[in-house]
Amino acid sequence: MYKLAFFVPVSDAEQVKAAVFATGAGRIGLYEHCCFETAGTGQFRPLPGANPHLGSVSQLEKVAELKVELVCEDALIAQAVAALKAAHPYEEPAYEVWRLEDLGFI
């Protein structure tokens, strides 16, 4: 089992979540489309050569974003990350992947 977290502009969150959920990620037992969202502010400065979705090259940009966290089965994580990258509006979406341990005593 993996945990996938990604950062996405609020305005694009539903389409990116839908793409990730379509891979089967976000399932917990008999529930699907499970995630947790935290609102915050992302910031970035596009470097020369970048083609930013928001903002301008060399200018600091601040964006209302969500951090979306969900679980994903081992066999689906590569597909979930690929779907995230394909659906995300940014050239370089920020995301994190952690392997979760099964402690066996629960």
N, C-alpha and C. Protein backbone atom coordinates (compact mmCIF):
# COMPACT_ATOMS: atom_id res chain seq x y z
N MET A 1 0.86 -1.18 0.00
CA MET A 1 0.00 0.00 0.00
C MET A 1 0.90 1.23 0.00
N TYR A 2 0.46 2.25 -0.73
CA TYR A 2 1.16 3.53 -0.80
C TYR A 2 0.24 4.65 -0.36
N LYS A 3 0.86 5.76 0.02
CA LYS A 3 0.14 7.01 0.23
C LYS A 3 0.64 7.97 -0.83
N LEU A 4 -0.28 8.58 -1.55
CA LEU A 4 0.02 9.56 -2.57
C LEU A 4 -0.51 10.91 -2.11
N ALA A 5 0.32 11.92 -2.16
CA ALA A 5 -0.11 13.29 -1.84
C ALA A 5 0.32 14.19 -2.99
N PHE A 6 -0.56 15.11 -3.36
CA PHE A 6 -0.21 16.06 -4.41
C PHE A 6 -0.82 17.41 -4.12
N PHE A 7 -0.24 18.42 -4.75
CA PHE A 7 -0.65 19.80 -4.56
C PHE A 7 -1.23 20.28 -5.89
N VAL A 8 -2.41 20.92 -5.84
CA VAL A 8 -3.11 21.29 -7.07
C VAL A 8 -3.89 22.58 -6.82
N PRO A 9 -3.95 23.48 -7.82
CA PRO A 9 -4.79 24.67 -7.65
C PRO A 9 -6.24 24.25 -7.35
N VAL A 10 -6.88 24.99 -6.49
CA VAL A 10 -8.25 24.68 -6.09
C VAL A 10 -9.15 24.53 -7.32
N SER A 11 -8.97 25.40 -8.30
CA SER A 11 -9.83 25.38 -9.49
C SER A 11 -9.68 24.12 -10.33
N ASP A 12 -8.58 23.38 -10.19
CA ASP A 12 -8.31 22.18 -10.98
C ASP A 12 -8.40 20.90 -10.17
N ALA A 13 -8.70 21.00 -8.89
CA ALA A 13 -8.64 19.84 -8.00
C ALA A 13 -9.58 18.72 -8.40
N GLU A 14 -10.81 19.03 -8.74
CA GLU A 14 -11.78 17.97 -9.03
C GLU A 14 -11.39 17.16 -10.26
N GLN A 15 -10.89 17.82 -11.31
CA GLN A 15 -10.51 17.07 -12.51
C GLN A 15 -9.29 16.20 -12.26
N VAL A 16 -8.34 16.68 -11.47
CA VAL A 16 -7.15 15.87 -11.18
C VAL A 16 -7.53 14.71 -10.27
N LYS A 17 -8.33 14.95 -9.24
CA LYS A 17 -8.78 13.86 -8.37
C LYS A 17 -9.53 12.80 -9.18
N ALA A 18 -10.40 13.22 -10.09
CA ALA A 18 -11.18 12.27 -10.89
C ALA A 18 -10.25 11.37 -11.72
N ALA A 19 -9.19 11.95 -12.27
CA ALA A 19 -8.25 11.16 -13.07
C ALA A 19 -7.52 10.14 -12.21
N VAL A 20 -7.12 10.55 -11.00
CA VAL A 20 -6.42 9.64 -10.10
C VAL A 20 -7.38 8.55 -9.61
N PHE A 21 -8.58 8.93 -9.22
CA PHE A 21 -9.57 7.96 -8.75
C PHE A 21 -9.94 6.96 -9.85
N ALA A 22 -9.93 7.38 -11.10
CA ALA A 22 -10.28 6.50 -12.21
C ALA A 22 -9.31 5.32 -12.34
N THR A 23 -8.12 5.43 -11.75
CA THR A 23 -7.14 4.33 -11.77
C THR A 23 -7.44 3.29 -10.71
N GLY A 24 -8.34 3.61 -9.77
CA GLY A 24 -8.64 2.72 -8.65
C GLY A 24 -7.98 3.17 -7.36
N ALA A 25 -7.17 4.23 -7.43
CA ALA A 25 -6.57 4.78 -6.22
C ALA A 25 -7.66 5.40 -5.35
N GLY A 26 -7.40 5.50 -4.05
CA GLY A 26 -8.36 6.11 -3.14
C GLY A 26 -9.41 5.15 -2.62
N ARG A 27 -9.15 3.85 -2.69
CA ARG A 27 -10.09 2.85 -2.17
C ARG A 27 -9.65 2.40 -0.79
N ILE A 28 -10.59 2.35 0.12
CA ILE A 28 -10.36 1.82 1.46
C ILE A 28 -11.52 0.87 1.74
N GLY A 29 -11.24 -0.42 1.73
CA GLY A 29 -12.29 -1.41 1.95
C GLY A 29 -13.39 -1.26 0.92
N LEU A 30 -14.62 -1.06 1.38
CA LEU A 30 -15.77 -0.94 0.50
C LEU A 30 -16.10 0.51 0.16
N TYR A 31 -15.11 1.40 0.27
CA TYR A 31 -15.30 2.82 -0.04
C TYR A 31 -14.31 3.22 -1.13
N GLU A 32 -14.76 4.09 -2.03
CA GLU A 32 -13.87 4.59 -3.07
C GLU A 32 -13.87 6.11 -3.06
N HIS A 33 -12.94 6.69 -3.80
CA HIS A 33 -12.78 8.14 -3.90
C HIS A 33 -12.48 8.75 -2.53
N CYS A 34 -11.77 8.01 -1.69
CA CYS A 34 -11.41 8.48 -0.35
C CYS A 34 -10.15 9.34 -0.44
N CYS A 35 -10.20 10.51 0.19
CA CYS A 35 -9.02 11.36 0.26
C CYS A 35 -9.21 12.36 1.39
N PHE A 36 -8.14 13.05 1.69
CA PHE A 36 -8.18 14.15 2.64
C PHE A 36 -7.58 15.36 1.96
N GLU A 37 -8.19 16.52 2.14
CA GLU A 37 -7.72 17.75 1.50
C GLU A 37 -7.39 18.79 2.56
N THR A 38 -6.30 19.48 2.34
CA THR A 38 -5.89 20.59 3.19
C THR A 38 -5.67 21.81 2.31
N ALA A 39 -6.30 22.92 2.63
CA ALA A 39 -6.13 24.15 1.86
C ALA A 39 -4.87 24.88 2.31
N GLY A 40 -4.22 25.51 1.36
CA GLY A 40 -3.03 26.29 1.66
C GLY A 40 -2.65 27.16 0.48
N THR A 41 -1.48 27.75 0.56
CA THR A 41 -0.98 28.61 -0.50
C THR A 41 0.33 28.04 -1.02
N GLY A 42 0.37 27.76 -2.31
CA GLY A 42 1.61 27.33 -2.96
C GLY A 42 2.29 28.53 -3.58
N GLN A 43 3.61 28.43 -3.70
CA GLN A 43 4.31 29.51 -4.38
C GLN A 43 5.42 28.94 -5.26
N PHE A 44 5.75 29.65 -6.33
CA PHE A 44 6.78 29.24 -7.26
C PHE A 44 7.20 30.43 -8.10
N ARG A 45 8.41 30.35 -8.64
CA ARG A 45 8.92 31.35 -9.58
C ARG A 45 9.36 30.59 -10.83
N PRO A 46 8.64 30.70 -11.94
CA PRO A 46 9.05 30.02 -13.17
C PRO A 46 10.39 30.56 -13.68
N LEU A 47 11.28 29.66 -14.02
CA LEU A 47 12.59 30.03 -14.55
C LEU A 47 12.53 30.22 -16.06
N PRO A 48 13.51 30.92 -16.64
CA PRO A 48 13.53 31.06 -18.10
C PRO A 48 13.46 29.69 -18.78
N GLY A 49 12.62 29.60 -19.80
CA GLY A 49 12.40 28.34 -20.50
C GLY A 49 11.14 27.64 -20.05
N ALA A 50 10.59 28.02 -18.89
CA ALA A 50 9.35 27.42 -18.39
C ALA A 50 8.16 27.96 -19.18
N ASN A 51 7.10 27.18 -19.21
CA ASN A 51 5.84 27.60 -19.83
C ASN A 51 4.77 27.48 -18.75
N PRO A 52 4.71 28.45 -17.82
CA PRO A 52 3.82 28.30 -16.66
C PRO A 52 2.33 28.37 -17.01
N HIS A 53 1.56 27.52 -16.34
CA HIS A 53 0.10 27.54 -16.45
C HIS A 53 -0.44 28.81 -15.82
N LEU A 54 0.18 29.25 -14.74
CA LEU A 54 -0.19 30.48 -14.03
C LEU A 54 1.07 31.32 -13.86
N GLY A 55 0.91 32.63 -13.87
CA GLY A 55 2.03 33.51 -13.61
C GLY A 55 2.90 33.74 -14.83
N SER A 56 4.05 34.36 -14.59
CA SER A 56 4.97 34.73 -15.65
C SER A 56 6.38 34.32 -15.28
N VAL A 57 7.18 34.07 -16.29
CA VAL A 57 8.58 33.71 -16.07
C VAL A 57 9.27 34.79 -15.24
N SER A 58 10.05 34.36 -14.28
CA SER A 58 10.85 35.20 -13.37
C SER A 58 10.04 35.97 -12.34
N GLN A 59 8.72 35.77 -12.29
CA GLN A 59 7.88 36.45 -11.32
C GLN A 59 7.36 35.45 -10.28
N LEU A 60 7.49 35.80 -9.00
CA LEU A 60 6.99 34.94 -7.93
C LEU A 60 5.46 34.90 -8.00
N GLU A 61 4.91 33.70 -7.96
CA GLU A 61 3.46 33.51 -8.03
C GLU A 61 3.00 32.79 -6.76
N LYS A 62 1.88 33.21 -6.21
CA LYS A 62 1.26 32.53 -5.07
C LYS A 62 -0.14 32.11 -5.49
N VAL A 63 -0.50 30.84 -5.17
CA VAL A 63 -1.74 30.26 -5.67
C VAL A 63 -2.46 29.53 -4.54
N ALA A 64 -3.78 29.71 -4.47
CA ALA A 64 -4.60 28.92 -3.54
C ALA A 64 -4.61 27.48 -4.05
N GLU A 65 -4.11 26.56 -3.23
CA GLU A 65 -3.99 25.17 -3.63
C GLU A 65 -4.56 24.25 -2.55
N LEU A 66 -4.80 23.01 -2.97
CA LEU A 66 -5.15 21.95 -2.03
C LEU A 66 -4.02 20.93 -2.01
N LYS A 67 -3.75 20.39 -0.82
CA LYS A 67 -2.93 19.19 -0.71
C LYS A 67 -3.93 18.05 -0.59
N VAL A 68 -3.86 17.12 -1.53
CA VAL A 68 -4.77 15.98 -1.57
C VAL A 68 -3.97 14.74 -1.20
N GLU A 69 -4.46 13.98 -0.22
CA GLU A 69 -3.78 12.77 0.24
C GLU A 69 -4.73 11.59 0.11
N LEU A 70 -4.21 10.46 -0.39
CA LEU A 70 -5.02 9.26 -0.54
C LEU A 70 -4.13 8.02 -0.51
N VAL A 71 -4.75 6.87 -0.33
CA VAL A 71 -4.01 5.60 -0.37
C VAL A 71 -4.18 4.96 -1.73
N CYS A 72 -3.23 4.07 -2.04
CA CYS A 72 -3.23 3.42 -3.35
C CYS A 72 -2.58 2.05 -3.24
N GLU A 73 -3.22 1.06 -3.82
CA GLU A 73 -2.65 -0.30 -3.84
C GLU A 73 -1.34 -0.32 -4.62
N ASP A 74 -0.46 -1.22 -4.25
CA ASP A 74 0.85 -1.33 -4.89
C ASP A 74 0.75 -1.42 -6.42
N ALA A 75 -0.15 -2.25 -6.90
CA ALA A 75 -0.25 -2.50 -8.34
C ALA A 75 -0.75 -1.29 -9.12
N LEU A 76 -1.28 -0.28 -8.43
CA LEU A 76 -1.89 0.88 -9.10
C LEU A 76 -1.09 2.16 -8.99
N ILE A 77 -0.02 2.19 -8.18
CA ILE A 77 0.64 3.46 -7.89
C ILE A 77 1.26 4.10 -9.13
N ALA A 78 1.90 3.32 -10.00
CA ALA A 78 2.51 3.91 -11.20
C ALA A 78 1.43 4.51 -12.10
N GLN A 79 0.32 3.81 -12.23
CA GLN A 79 -0.79 4.29 -13.05
C GLN A 79 -1.41 5.56 -12.43
N ALA A 80 -1.53 5.59 -11.10
CA ALA A 80 -2.10 6.75 -10.42
C ALA A 80 -1.22 7.98 -10.60
N VAL A 81 0.09 7.81 -10.48
CA VAL A 81 1.01 8.95 -10.66
C VAL A 81 0.98 9.41 -12.12
N ALA A 82 0.94 8.49 -13.07
CA ALA A 82 0.86 8.86 -14.48
C ALA A 82 -0.41 9.65 -14.76
N ALA A 83 -1.54 9.22 -14.19
CA ALA A 83 -2.82 9.93 -14.37
C ALA A 83 -2.75 11.32 -13.75
N LEU A 84 -2.14 11.42 -12.58
CA LEU A 84 -1.96 12.71 -11.91
C LEU A 84 -1.19 13.67 -12.82
N LYS A 85 -0.06 13.21 -13.34
CA LYS A 85 0.77 14.06 -14.21
C LYS A 85 0.03 14.46 -15.48
N ALA A 86 -0.72 13.54 -16.06
CA ALA A 86 -1.44 13.83 -17.31
C ALA A 86 -2.57 14.84 -17.11
N ALA A 87 -3.24 14.78 -15.95
CA ALA A 87 -4.41 15.63 -15.71
C ALA A 87 -4.05 16.98 -15.07
N HIS A 88 -2.88 17.06 -14.46
CA HIS A 88 -2.49 18.26 -13.72
C HIS A 88 -2.16 19.41 -14.66
N PRO A 89 -2.57 20.64 -14.33
CA PRO A 89 -2.30 21.76 -15.23
C PRO A 89 -0.86 22.25 -15.22
N TYR A 90 -0.10 21.94 -14.18
CA TYR A 90 1.29 22.43 -14.09
C TYR A 90 2.23 21.57 -14.92
N GLU A 91 3.28 22.18 -15.45
CA GLU A 91 4.33 21.45 -16.16
C GLU A 91 5.03 20.46 -15.24
N GLU A 92 5.24 20.88 -14.00
CA GLU A 92 5.96 20.07 -13.00
C GLU A 92 5.12 19.96 -11.73
N PRO A 93 4.12 19.09 -11.72
CA PRO A 93 3.30 18.99 -10.51
C PRO A 93 4.10 18.46 -9.32
N ALA A 94 3.82 19.01 -8.16
CA ALA A 94 4.48 18.57 -6.93
C ALA A 94 3.66 17.43 -6.33
N TYR A 95 4.33 16.31 -6.06
CA TYR A 95 3.65 15.18 -5.44
C TYR A 95 4.64 14.39 -4.61
N GLU A 96 4.11 13.56 -3.72
CA GLU A 96 4.92 12.72 -2.84
C GLU A 96 4.31 11.33 -2.82
N VAL A 97 5.15 10.31 -2.73
CA VAL A 97 4.70 8.93 -2.64
C VAL A 97 5.45 8.27 -1.48
N TRP A 98 4.70 7.65 -0.56
CA TRP A 98 5.29 6.91 0.55
C TRP A 98 4.79 5.48 0.53
N ARG A 99 5.68 4.53 0.81
CA ARG A 99 5.25 3.15 1.00
C ARG A 99 4.78 3.03 2.44
N LEU A 100 3.60 2.45 2.63
CA LEU A 100 3.03 2.26 3.97
C LEU A 100 3.33 0.84 4.44
N GLU A 101 3.60 0.71 5.71
CA GLU A 101 3.89 -0.59 6.31
C GLU A 101 2.62 -1.24 6.86
N ASP A 102 2.52 -2.53 6.71
CA ASP A 102 1.46 -3.31 7.33
C ASP A 102 2.07 -3.90 8.60
N LEU A 103 1.69 -3.38 9.74
CA LEU A 103 2.27 -3.82 11.01
C LEU A 103 1.77 -5.17 11.47
N GLY A 104 0.72 -5.65 10.85
CA GLY A 104 0.24 -7.00 11.10
C GLY A 104 -0.46 -7.22 12.42
N PHE A 105 -0.50 -6.26 13.32
CA PHE A 105 -1.15 -6.50 14.61
C PHE A 105 -2.48 -5.80 14.72
N ILE A 106 -2.94 -5.24 13.64
CA ILE A 106 -4.23 -4.54 13.66
C ILE A 106 -5.25 -5.39 12.94
